[in-house]
Amino acid sequence: IQRSPDVLLRTHTSSVQTRVMEHTQPPIRIICPGRVYR
């Protein structure tokens, strides 16, 4: 969508996993459904 900083449509829902791991300590057991773009 724009450069510097890079803003984009997510290409996978792995981004949800990283957001959860940033703010949650294990144990973590999640499933992340959603729409992605390529």
PDB file of all heavy atoms in Angstrom:
ATOM      1  N   ILE A   1       0.837  -1.195   0.000  1.00  0.00           N
ATOM      2  CA  ILE A   1       0.000   0.000   0.000  1.00  0.00           C
ATOM      3  C   ILE A   1       0.873   1.246   0.000  1.00  0.00           C
ATOM      4  O   ILE A   1       0.572   2.238  -0.657  1.00  0.00           O
ATOM      5  CB  ILE A   1      -0.940  -0.012   1.220  1.00  0.00           C
ATOM      6  CG1 ILE A   1      -1.891  -1.214   1.111  1.00  0.00           C
ATOM      7  CG2 ILE A   1      -1.734   1.278   1.326  1.00  0.00           C
ATOM      8  CD1 ILE A   1      -2.762  -1.420   2.320  1.00  0.00           C
ATOM      9  N   GLN A   2       1.972   1.204   0.738  1.00  0.00           N
ATOM     10  CA  GLN A   2       2.930   2.306   0.714  1.00  0.00           C
ATOM     11  C   GLN A   2       4.299   1.782   1.116  1.00  0.00           C
ATOM     12  O   GLN A   2       4.432   0.709   1.705  1.00  0.00           O
ATOM     13  CB  GLN A   2       2.502   3.441   1.643  1.00  0.00           C
ATOM     14  CG  GLN A   2       2.635   3.123   3.131  1.00  0.00           C
ATOM     15  CD  GLN A   2       2.214   4.283   4.008  1.00  0.00           C
ATOM     16  OE1 GLN A   2       1.099   4.765   3.901  1.00  0.00           O
ATOM     17  NE2 GLN A   2       3.104   4.726   4.874  1.00  0.00           N
ATOM     18  N   ARG A   3       5.331   2.529   0.768  1.00  0.00           N
ATOM     19  CA  ARG A   3       6.706   2.177   1.108  1.00  0.00           C
ATOM     20  C   ARG A   3       7.253   3.147   2.149  1.00  0.00           C
ATOM     21  O   ARG A   3       6.872   4.317   2.190  1.00  0.00           O
ATOM     22  CB  ARG A   3       7.588   2.240  -0.146  1.00  0.00           C
ATOM     23  CG  ARG A   3       7.295   1.136  -1.149  1.00  0.00           C
ATOM     24  CD  ARG A   3       7.835  -0.195  -0.655  1.00  0.00           C
ATOM     25  NE  ARG A   3       7.965  -1.177  -1.714  1.00  0.00           N
ATOM     26  CZ  ARG A   3       8.490  -2.374  -1.548  1.00  0.00           C
ATOM     27  NH1 ARG A   3       8.948  -2.724  -0.360  1.00  0.00           N
ATOM     28  NH2 ARG A   3       8.551  -3.222  -2.541  1.00  0.00           N
ATOM     29  N   SER A   4       8.185   2.627   2.972  1.00  0.00           N
ATOM     30  CA  SER A   4       8.915   3.442   3.960  1.00  0.00           C
ATOM     31  C   SER A   4       7.985   4.262   4.858  1.00  0.00           C
ATOM     32  O   SER A   4       7.866   5.473   4.664  1.00  0.00           O
ATOM     33  CB  SER A   4       9.925   4.352   3.260  1.00  0.00           C
ATOM     34  OG  SER A   4      10.846   3.583   2.536  1.00  0.00           O
ATOM     35  N   PRO A   5       7.340   3.702   5.853  1.00  0.00           N
ATOM     36  CA  PRO A   5       7.429   2.284   6.207  1.00  0.00           C
ATOM     37  C   PRO A   5       6.543   1.414   5.319  1.00  0.00           C
ATOM     38  O   PRO A   5       5.564   1.903   4.753  1.00  0.00           O
ATOM     39  CB  PRO A   5       6.936   2.262   7.648  1.00  0.00           C
ATOM     40  CG  PRO A   5       5.955   3.387   7.695  1.00  0.00           C
ATOM     41  CD  PRO A   5       6.522   4.457   6.804  1.00  0.00           C
ATOM     42  N   ASP A   6       6.920   0.149   5.219  1.00  0.00           N
ATOM     43  CA  ASP A   6       6.163  -0.754   4.351  1.00  0.00           C
ATOM     44  C   ASP A   6       4.811  -1.097   4.982  1.00  0.00           C
ATOM     45  O   ASP A   6       4.740  -1.607   6.096  1.00  0.00           O
ATOM     46  CB  ASP A   6       6.945  -2.045   4.124  1.00  0.00           C
ATOM     47  CG  ASP A   6       8.152  -1.808   3.218  1.00  0.00           C
ATOM     48  OD1 ASP A   6       8.112  -0.829   2.454  1.00  0.00           O
ATOM     49  OD2 ASP A   6       9.113  -2.592   3.279  1.00  0.00           O
ATOM     50  N   VAL A   7       3.747  -0.805   4.246  1.00  0.00           N
ATOM     51  CA  VAL A   7       2.390  -1.182   4.640  1.00  0.00           C
ATOM     52  C   VAL A   7       1.823  -2.022   3.514  1.00  0.00           C
ATOM     53  O   VAL A   7       1.897  -1.627   2.344  1.00  0.00           O
ATOM     54  CB  VAL A   7       1.503   0.060   4.889  1.00  0.00           C
ATOM     55  CG1 VAL A   7       0.092  -0.379   5.270  1.00  0.00           C
ATOM     56  CG2 VAL A   7       2.099   0.936   5.975  1.00  0.00           C
ATOM     57  N   LEU A   8       1.282  -3.186   3.832  1.00  0.00           N
ATOM     58  CA  LEU A   8       0.881  -4.120   2.794  1.00  0.00           C
ATOM     59  C   LEU A   8      -0.333  -4.930   3.228  1.00  0.00           C
ATOM     60  O   LEU A   8      -0.705  -4.941   4.401  1.00  0.00           O
ATOM     61  CB  LEU A   8       2.037  -5.067   2.468  1.00  0.00           C
ATOM     62  CG  LEU A   8       2.549  -5.921   3.639  1.00  0.00           C
ATOM     63  CD1 LEU A   8       2.924  -7.308   3.146  1.00  0.00           C
ATOM     64  CD2 LEU A   8       3.763  -5.262   4.289  1.00  0.00           C
ATOM     65  N   LEU A   9      -0.948  -5.587   2.247  1.00  0.00           N
ATOM     66  CA  LEU A   9      -1.990  -6.557   2.552  1.00  0.00           C
ATOM     67  C   LEU A   9      -1.304  -7.862   2.939  1.00  0.00           C
ATOM     68  O   LEU A   9      -0.405  -8.320   2.231  1.00  0.00           O
ATOM     69  CB  LEU A   9      -2.901  -6.771   1.343  1.00  0.00           C
ATOM     70  CG  LEU A   9      -3.661  -5.539   0.835  1.00  0.00           C
ATOM     71  CD1 LEU A   9      -4.503  -5.905  -0.378  1.00  0.00           C
ATOM     72  CD2 LEU A   9      -4.539  -4.954   1.924  1.00  0.00           C
ATOM     73  N   ARG A  10      -1.712  -8.445   4.053  1.00  0.00           N
ATOM     74  CA  ARG A  10      -1.007  -9.635   4.537  1.00  0.00           C
ATOM     75  C   ARG A  10      -1.063 -10.764   3.505  1.00  0.00           C
ATOM     76  O   ARG A  10      -2.083 -10.971   2.837  1.00  0.00           O
ATOM     77  CB  ARG A  10      -1.589 -10.100   5.867  1.00  0.00           C
ATOM     78  CG  ARG A  10      -3.023 -10.615   5.783  1.00  0.00           C
ATOM     79  CD  ARG A  10      -3.562 -10.973   7.153  1.00  0.00           C
ATOM     80  NE  ARG A  10      -4.927 -11.481   7.061  1.00  0.00           N
ATOM     81  CZ  ARG A  10      -5.714 -11.727   8.103  1.00  0.00           C
ATOM     82  NH1 ARG A  10      -5.269 -11.495   9.323  1.00  0.00           N
ATOM     83  NH2 ARG A  10      -6.933 -12.207   7.935  1.00  0.00           N
ATOM     84  N   THR A  11       0.044 -11.477   3.380  1.00  0.00           N
ATOM     85  CA  THR A  11       0.128 -12.594   2.438  1.00  0.00           C
ATOM     86  C   THR A  11      -0.168 -13.928   3.106  1.00  0.00           C
ATOM     87  O   THR A  11      -0.296 -14.944   2.430  1.00  0.00           O
ATOM     88  CB  THR A  11       1.529 -12.648   1.804  1.00  0.00           C
ATOM     89  OG1 THR A  11       2.507 -12.814   2.843  1.00  0.00           O
ATOM     90  CG2 THR A  11       1.829 -11.364   1.036  1.00  0.00           C
ATOM     91  N   HIS A  12      -0.249 -13.945   4.423  1.00  0.00           N
ATOM     92  CA  HIS A  12      -0.611 -15.148   5.183  1.00  0.00           C
ATOM     93  C   HIS A  12      -1.072 -14.704   6.569  1.00  0.00           C
ATOM     94  O   HIS A  12      -0.818 -13.576   6.995  1.00  0.00           O
ATOM     95  CB  HIS A  12       0.561 -16.128   5.278  1.00  0.00           C
ATOM     96  CG  HIS A  12       1.860 -15.490   5.696  1.00  0.00           C
ATOM     97  ND1 HIS A  12       3.088 -16.066   5.501  1.00  0.00           N
ATOM     98  CD2 HIS A  12       2.143 -14.292   6.291  1.00  0.00           C
ATOM     99  CE1 HIS A  12       4.047 -15.275   5.957  1.00  0.00           C
ATOM    100  NE2 HIS A  12       3.493 -14.207   6.435  1.00  0.00           N
ATOM    101  N   THR A  13      -1.752 -15.606   7.260  1.00  0.00           N
ATOM    102  CA  THR A  13      -2.238 -15.253   8.602  1.00  0.00           C
ATOM    103  C   THR A  13      -1.183 -15.535   9.675  1.00  0.00           C
ATOM    104  O   THR A  13      -1.474 -15.458  10.866  1.00  0.00           O
ATOM    105  CB  THR A  13      -3.542 -15.998   8.943  1.00  0.00           C
ATOM    106  OG1 THR A  13      -3.338 -17.405   8.834  1.00  0.00           O
ATOM    107  CG2 THR A  13      -4.671 -15.584   8.014  1.00  0.00           C
ATOM    108  N   SER A  14       0.057 -15.835   9.237  1.00  0.00           N
ATOM    109  CA  SER A  14       1.154 -15.971  10.205  1.00  0.00           C
ATOM    110  C   SER A  14       1.383 -14.671  10.962  1.00  0.00           C
ATOM    111  O   SER A  14       1.922 -14.681  12.080  1.00  0.00           O
ATOM    112  CB  SER A  14       2.444 -16.370   9.484  1.00  0.00           C
ATOM    113  OG  SER A  14       2.287 -17.579   8.782  1.00  0.00           O
ATOM    114  N   SER A  15       0.978 -13.554  10.366  1.00  0.00           N
ATOM    115  CA  SER A  15       1.133 -12.273  11.054  1.00  0.00           C
ATOM    116  C   SER A  15       0.334 -12.242  12.352  1.00  0.00           C
ATOM    117  O   SER A  15       0.719 -11.572  13.317  1.00  0.00           O
ATOM    118  CB  SER A  15       0.675 -11.131  10.135  1.00  0.00           C
ATOM    119  OG  SER A  15      -0.668 -11.320   9.710  1.00  0.00           O
ATOM    120  N   VAL A  16      -0.780 -12.974  12.400  1.00  0.00           N
ATOM    121  CA  VAL A  16      -1.562 -13.050  13.630  1.00  0.00           C
ATOM    122  C   VAL A  16      -0.773 -13.803  14.700  1.00  0.00           C
ATOM    123  O   VAL A  16      -0.776 -13.431  15.879  1.00  0.00           O
ATOM    124  CB  VAL A  16      -2.915 -13.741  13.375  1.00  0.00           C
ATOM    125  CG1 VAL A  16      -3.742 -13.790  14.663  1.00  0.00           C
ATOM    126  CG2 VAL A  16      -3.690 -13.010  12.281  1.00  0.00           C
ATOM    127  N   GLN A  17      -0.056 -14.842  14.281  1.00  0.00           N
ATOM    128  CA  GLN A  17       0.751 -15.608  15.230  1.00  0.00           C
ATOM    129  C   GLN A  17       1.820 -14.724  15.875  1.00  0.00           C
ATOM    130  O   GLN A  17       2.033 -14.772  17.091  1.00  0.00           O
ATOM    131  CB  GLN A  17       1.408 -16.789  14.517  1.00  0.00           C
ATOM    132  CG  GLN A  17       0.422 -17.782  13.930  1.00  0.00           C
ATOM    133  CD  GLN A  17       1.110 -18.915  13.187  1.00  0.00           C
ATOM    134  OE1 GLN A  17       2.327 -19.051  13.246  1.00  0.00           O
ATOM    135  NE2 GLN A  17       0.331 -19.719  12.489  1.00  0.00           N
ATOM    136  N   THR A  18       2.504 -13.906  15.062  1.00  0.00           N
ATOM    137  CA  THR A  18       3.563 -13.056  15.615  1.00  0.00           C
ATOM    138  C   THR A  18       2.982 -12.019  16.572  1.00  0.00           C
ATOM    139  O   THR A  18       3.586 -11.700  17.589  1.00  0.00           O
ATOM    140  CB  THR A  18       4.349 -12.357  14.492  1.00  0.00           C
ATOM    141  OG1 THR A  18       3.473 -11.524  13.726  1.00  0.00           O
ATOM    142  CG2 THR A  18       5.001 -13.372  13.574  1.00  0.00           C
ATOM    143  N   ARG A  19       1.808 -11.490  16.260  1.00  0.00           N
ATOM    144  CA  ARG A  19       1.176 -10.512  17.156  1.00  0.00           C
ATOM    145  C   ARG A  19       0.824 -11.153  18.498  1.00  0.00           C
ATOM    146  O   ARG A  19       0.985 -10.531  19.556  1.00  0.00           O
ATOM    147  CB  ARG A  19      -0.081  -9.929  16.502  1.00  0.00           C
ATOM    148  CG  ARG A  19       0.222  -8.930  15.390  1.00  0.00           C
ATOM    149  CD  ARG A  19      -1.042  -8.302  14.839  1.00  0.00           C
ATOM    150  NE  ARG A  19      -0.723  -7.248  13.877  1.00  0.00           N
ATOM    151  CZ  ARG A  19      -0.468  -5.986  14.212  1.00  0.00           C
ATOM    152  NH1 ARG A  19      -0.522  -5.622  15.493  1.00  0.00           N
ATOM    153  NH2 ARG A  19      -0.190  -5.089  13.290  1.00  0.00           N
ATOM    154  N   VAL A  20       0.340 -12.387  18.466  1.00  0.00           N
ATOM    155  CA  VAL A  20       0.002 -13.068  19.711  1.00  0.00           C
ATOM    156  C   VAL A  20       1.269 -13.367  20.515  1.00  0.00           C
ATOM    157  O   VAL A  20       1.319 -13.141  21.733  1.00  0.00           O
ATOM    158  CB  VAL A  20      -0.780 -14.370  19.427  1.00  0.00           C
ATOM    159  CG1 VAL A  20      -0.961 -15.187  20.708  1.00  0.00           C
ATOM    160  CG2 VAL A  20      -2.144 -14.041  18.824  1.00  0.00           C
ATOM    161  N   MET A  21       2.322 -13.846  19.833  1.00  0.00           N
ATOM    162  CA  MET A  21       3.561 -14.186  20.543  1.00  0.00           C
ATOM    163  C   MET A  21       4.232 -12.960  21.159  1.00  0.00           C
ATOM    164  O   MET A  21       4.889 -13.059  22.199  1.00  0.00           O
ATOM    165  CB  MET A  21       4.528 -14.906  19.598  1.00  0.00           C
ATOM    166  CG  MET A  21       4.142 -16.351  19.308  1.00  0.00           C
ATOM    167  SD  MET A  21       5.437 -17.274  18.446  1.00  0.00           S
ATOM    168  CE  MET A  21       5.332 -16.558  16.794  1.00  0.00           C
ATOM    169  N   GLU A  22       4.059 -11.806  20.522  1.00  0.00           N
ATOM    170  CA  GLU A  22       4.655 -10.582  21.063  1.00  0.00           C
ATOM    171  C   GLU A  22       4.061 -10.192  22.419  1.00  0.00           C
ATOM    172  O   GLU A  22       4.736  -9.576  23.237  1.00  0.00           O
ATOM    173  CB  GLU A  22       4.450  -9.420  20.081  1.00  0.00           C
ATOM    174  CG  GLU A  22       5.380  -9.441  18.889  1.00  0.00           C
ATOM    175  CD  GLU A  22       5.082  -8.308  17.915  1.00  0.00           C
ATOM    176  OE1 GLU A  22       3.955  -7.777  17.939  1.00  0.00           O
ATOM    177  OE2 GLU A  22       5.973  -7.963  17.133  1.00  0.00           O
ATOM    178  N   HIS A  23       2.799 -10.528  22.634  1.00  0.00           N
ATOM    179  CA  HIS A  23       2.109 -10.046  23.828  1.00  0.00           C
ATOM    180  C   HIS A  23       1.675 -11.169  24.770  1.00  0.00           C
ATOM    181  O   HIS A  23       1.025 -10.902  25.787  1.00  0.00           O
ATOM    182  CB  HIS A  23       0.866  -9.239  23.415  1.00  0.00           C
ATOM    183  CG  HIS A  23       1.184  -8.044  22.576  1.00  0.00           C
ATOM    184  ND1 HIS A  23       1.102  -8.058  21.194  1.00  0.00           N
ATOM    185  CD2 HIS A  23       1.616  -6.804  22.909  1.00  0.00           C
ATOM    186  CE1 HIS A  23       1.437  -6.871  20.723  1.00  0.00           C
ATOM    187  NE2 HIS A  23       1.755  -6.098  21.742  1.00  0.00           N
ATOM    188  N   THR A  24       2.020 -12.420  24.427  1.00  0.00           N
ATOM    189  CA  THR A  24       1.589 -13.548  25.248  1.00  0.00           C
ATOM    190  C   THR A  24       2.761 -14.500  25.469  1.00  0.00           C
ATOM    191  O   THR A  24       3.459 -14.854  24.526  1.00  0.00           O
ATOM    192  CB  THR A  24       0.444 -14.322  24.558  1.00  0.00           C
ATOM    193  OG1 THR A  24      -0.587 -13.413  24.200  1.00  0.00           O
ATOM    194  CG2 THR A  24      -0.124 -15.385  25.489  1.00  0.00           C
ATOM    195  N   GLN A  25       2.954 -14.906  26.681  1.00  0.00           N
ATOM    196  CA  GLN A  25       3.967 -15.911  26.988  1.00  0.00           C
ATOM    197  C   GLN A  25       3.342 -17.303  26.931  1.00  0.00           C
ATOM    198  O   GLN A  25       2.151 -17.474  27.225  1.00  0.00           O
ATOM    199  CB  GLN A  25       4.573 -15.656  28.362  1.00  0.00           C
ATOM    200  CG  GLN A  25       5.574 -14.515  28.401  1.00  0.00           C
ATOM    201  CD  GLN A  25       6.785 -14.778  27.493  1.00  0.00           C
ATOM    202  OE1 GLN A  25       7.476 -15.782  27.639  1.00  0.00           O
ATOM    203  NE2 GLN A  25       7.035 -13.852  26.578  1.00  0.00           N
ATOM    204  N   PRO A  26       4.129 -18.320  26.525  1.00  0.00           N
ATOM    205  CA  PRO A  26       3.591 -19.681  26.441  1.00  0.00           C
ATOM    206  C   PRO A  26       3.042 -20.143  27.786  1.00  0.00           C
ATOM    207  O   PRO A  26       3.450 -19.624  28.832  1.00  0.00           O
ATOM    208  CB  PRO A  26       4.814 -20.505  26.011  1.00  0.00           C
ATOM    209  CG  PRO A  26       5.734 -19.509  25.352  1.00  0.00           C
ATOM    210  CD  PRO A  26       5.531 -18.233  26.097  1.00  0.00           C
ATOM    211  N   PRO A  27       2.109 -21.110  27.767  1.00  0.00           N
ATOM    212  CA  PRO A  27       1.700 -21.869  26.580  1.00  0.00           C
ATOM    213  C   PRO A  27       0.761 -21.088  25.656  1.00  0.00           C
ATOM    214  O   PRO A  27      -0.120 -20.371  26.131  1.00  0.00           O
ATOM    215  CB  PRO A  27       0.985 -23.075  27.170  1.00  0.00           C
ATOM    216  CG  PRO A  27       0.500 -22.608  28.509  1.00  0.00           C
ATOM    217  CD  PRO A  27       1.532 -21.642  29.010  1.00  0.00           C
ATOM    218  N   ILE A  28       0.982 -21.245  24.351  1.00  0.00           N
ATOM    219  CA  ILE A  28       0.159 -20.609  23.321  1.00  0.00           C
ATOM    220  C   ILE A  28      -0.385 -21.714  22.420  1.00  0.00           C
ATOM    221  O   ILE A  28       0.370 -22.543  21.912  1.00  0.00           O
ATOM    222  CB  ILE A  28       0.976 -19.609  22.481  1.00  0.00           C
ATOM    223  CG1 ILE A  28       1.515 -18.469  23.366  1.00  0.00           C
ATOM    224  CG2 ILE A  28       0.138 -19.058  21.336  1.00  0.00           C
ATOM    225  CD1 ILE A  28       2.509 -17.563  22.652  1.00  0.00           C
ATOM    226  N   ARG A  29      -1.688 -21.701  22.235  1.00  0.00           N
ATOM    227  CA  ARG A  29      -2.306 -22.703  21.356  1.00  0.00           C
ATOM    228  C   ARG A  29      -3.447 -22.006  20.611  1.00  0.00           C
ATOM    229  O   ARG A  29      -4.558 -21.864  21.133  1.00  0.00           O
ATOM    230  CB  ARG A  29      -2.835 -23.882  22.177  1.00  0.00           C
ATOM    231  CG  ARG A  29      -3.077 -25.158  21.361  1.00  0.00           C
ATOM    232  CD  ARG A  29      -3.863 -26.169  22.149  1.00  0.00           C
ATOM    233  NE  ARG A  29      -3.194 -26.624  23.346  1.00  0.00           N
ATOM    234  CZ  ARG A  29      -2.672 -27.840  23.514  1.00  0.00           C
ATOM    235  NH1 ARG A  29      -2.735 -28.714  22.529  1.00  0.00           N
ATOM    236  NH2 ARG A  29      -2.119 -28.183  24.664  1.00  0.00           N
ATOM    237  N   ILE A  30      -3.160 -21.525  19.407  1.00  0.00           N
ATOM    238  CA  ILE A  30      -4.123 -20.701  18.667  1.00  0.00           C
ATOM    239  C   ILE A  30      -4.290 -21.205  17.245  1.00  0.00           C
ATOM    240  O   ILE A  30      -3.409 -21.850  16.679  1.00  0.00           O
ATOM    241  CB  ILE A  30      -3.687 -19.221  18.627  1.00  0.00           C
ATOM    242  CG1 ILE A  30      -2.299 -19.075  17.992  1.00  0.00           C
ATOM    243  CG2 ILE A  30      -3.745 -18.595  19.998  1.00  0.00           C
ATOM    244  CD1 ILE A  30      -1.898 -17.649  17.702  1.00  0.00           C
ATOM    245  N   ILE A  31      -5.453 -20.889  16.681  1.00  0.00           N
ATOM    246  CA  ILE A  31      -5.715 -21.119  15.274  1.00  0.00           C
ATOM    247  C   ILE A  31      -6.152 -19.792  14.672  1.00  0.00           C
ATOM    248  O   ILE A  31      -6.934 -19.047  15.273  1.00  0.00           O
ATOM    249  CB  ILE A  31      -6.773 -22.221  15.075  1.00  0.00           C
ATOM    250  CG1 ILE A  31      -6.938 -22.557  13.593  1.00  0.00           C
ATOM    251  CG2 ILE A  31      -8.105 -21.853  15.704  1.00  0.00           C
ATOM    252  CD1 ILE A  31      -7.721 -23.837  13.359  1.00  0.00           C
ATOM    253  N   CYS A  32      -5.621 -19.457  13.497  1.00  0.00           N
ATOM    254  CA  CYS A  32      -5.781 -18.116  12.918  1.00  0.00           C
ATOM    255  C   CYS A  32      -6.432 -18.197  11.531  1.00  0.00           C
ATOM    256  O   CYS A  32      -5.741 -18.394  10.530  1.00  0.00           O
ATOM    257  CB  CYS A  32      -4.420 -17.423  12.794  1.00  0.00           C
ATOM    258  SG  CYS A  32      -3.399 -17.509  14.278  1.00  0.00           S
ATOM    259  N   PRO A  33      -7.750 -18.079  11.448  1.00  0.00           N
ATOM    260  CA  PRO A  33      -8.422 -18.057  10.142  1.00  0.00           C
ATOM    261  C   PRO A  33      -8.509 -16.627   9.610  1.00  0.00           C
ATOM    262  O   PRO A  33      -8.559 -15.666  10.382  1.00  0.00           O
ATOM    263  CB  PRO A  33      -9.807 -18.605  10.470  1.00  0.00           C
ATOM    264  CG  PRO A  33     -10.057 -18.153  11.883  1.00  0.00           C
ATOM    265  CD  PRO A  33      -8.705 -18.092  12.559  1.00  0.00           C
ATOM    266  N   GLY A  34      -8.536 -16.477   8.280  1.00  0.00           N
ATOM    267  CA  GLY A  34      -8.706 -15.137   7.713  1.00  0.00           C
ATOM    268  C   GLY A  34      -8.389 -15.065   6.239  1.00  0.00           C
ATOM    269  O   GLY A  34      -7.884 -16.020   5.634  1.00  0.00           O
ATOM    270  N   ARG A  35      -8.659 -13.895   5.673  1.00  0.00           N
ATOM    271  CA  ARG A  35      -8.420 -13.651   4.244  1.00  0.00           C
ATOM    272  C   ARG A  35      -7.012 -13.112   4.045  1.00  0.00           C
ATOM    273  O   ARG A  35      -6.542 -12.293   4.829  1.00  0.00           O
ATOM    274  CB  ARG A  35      -9.444 -12.645   3.706  1.00  0.00           C
ATOM    275  CG  ARG A  35      -9.317 -12.376   2.214  1.00  0.00           C
ATOM    276  CD  ARG A  35     -10.359 -11.376   1.763  1.00  0.00           C
ATOM    277  NE  ARG A  35     -11.712 -11.895   1.935  1.00  0.00           N
ATOM    278  CZ  ARG A  35     -12.817 -11.182   1.686  1.00  0.00           C
ATOM    279  NH1 ARG A  35     -12.711  -9.927   1.290  1.00  0.00           N
ATOM    280  NH2 ARG A  35     -14.001 -11.716   1.857  1.00  0.00           N
ATOM    281  N   VAL A  36      -6.361 -13.567   2.982  1.00  0.00           N
ATOM    282  CA  VAL A  36      -5.006 -13.118   2.658  1.00  0.00           C
ATOM    283  C   VAL A  36      -4.949 -12.745   1.174  1.00  0.00           C
ATOM    284  O   VAL A  36      -5.835 -13.092   0.398  1.00  0.00           O
ATOM    285  CB  VAL A  36      -3.959 -14.203   2.982  1.00  0.00           C
ATOM    286  CG1 VAL A  36      -3.982 -14.530   4.472  1.00  0.00           C
ATOM    287  CG2 VAL A  36      -4.188 -15.461   2.163  1.00  0.00           C
ATOM    288  N   TYR A  37      -3.867 -12.043   0.787  1.00  0.00           N
ATOM    289  CA  TYR A  37      -3.785 -11.466  -0.561  1.00  0.00           C
ATOM    290  C   TYR A  37      -2.405 -11.721  -1.162  1.00  0.00           C
ATOM    291  O   TYR A  37      -1.382 -11.558  -0.492  1.00  0.00           O
ATOM    292  CB  TYR A  37      -4.034  -9.960  -0.503  1.00  0.00           C
ATOM    293  CG  TYR A  37      -5.335  -9.578   0.159  1.00  0.00           C
ATOM    294  CD1 TYR A  37      -5.429  -9.486   1.552  1.00  0.00           C
ATOM    295  CD2 TYR A  37      -6.477  -9.340  -0.589  1.00  0.00           C
ATOM    296  CE1 TYR A  37      -6.610  -9.151   2.169  1.00  0.00           C
ATOM    297  CE2 TYR A  37      -7.672  -8.996   0.018  1.00  0.00           C
ATOM    298  CZ  TYR A  37      -7.732  -8.909   1.402  1.00  0.00           C
ATOM    299  OH  TYR A  37      -8.917  -8.578   2.015  1.00  0.00           O
ATOM    300  N   ARG A  38      -2.385 -12.089  -2.436  1.00  0.00           N
ATOM    301  CA  ARG A  38      -1.126 -12.215  -3.167  1.00  0.00           C
ATOM    302  C   ARG A  38      -1.359 -11.814  -4.614  1.00  0.00           C
ATOM    303  O   ARG A  38      -2.445 -12.012  -5.162  1.00  0.00           O
ATOM    304  CB  ARG A  38      -0.583 -13.650  -3.093  1.00  0.00           C
ATOM    305  CG  ARG A  38      -0.206 -14.058  -1.674  1.00  0.00           C
ATOM    306  CD  ARG A  38       0.326 -15.467  -1.591  1.00  0.00           C
ATOM    307  NE  ARG A  38       0.464 -15.894  -0.200  1.00  0.00           N
ATOM    308  CZ  ARG A  38       0.816 -17.119   0.176  1.00  0.00           C
ATOM    309  NH1 ARG A  38       1.084 -18.035  -0.739  1.00  0.00           N
ATOM    310  NH2 ARG A  38       0.909 -17.417   1.462  1.00  0.00           N
TER     311      ARG A  38
END
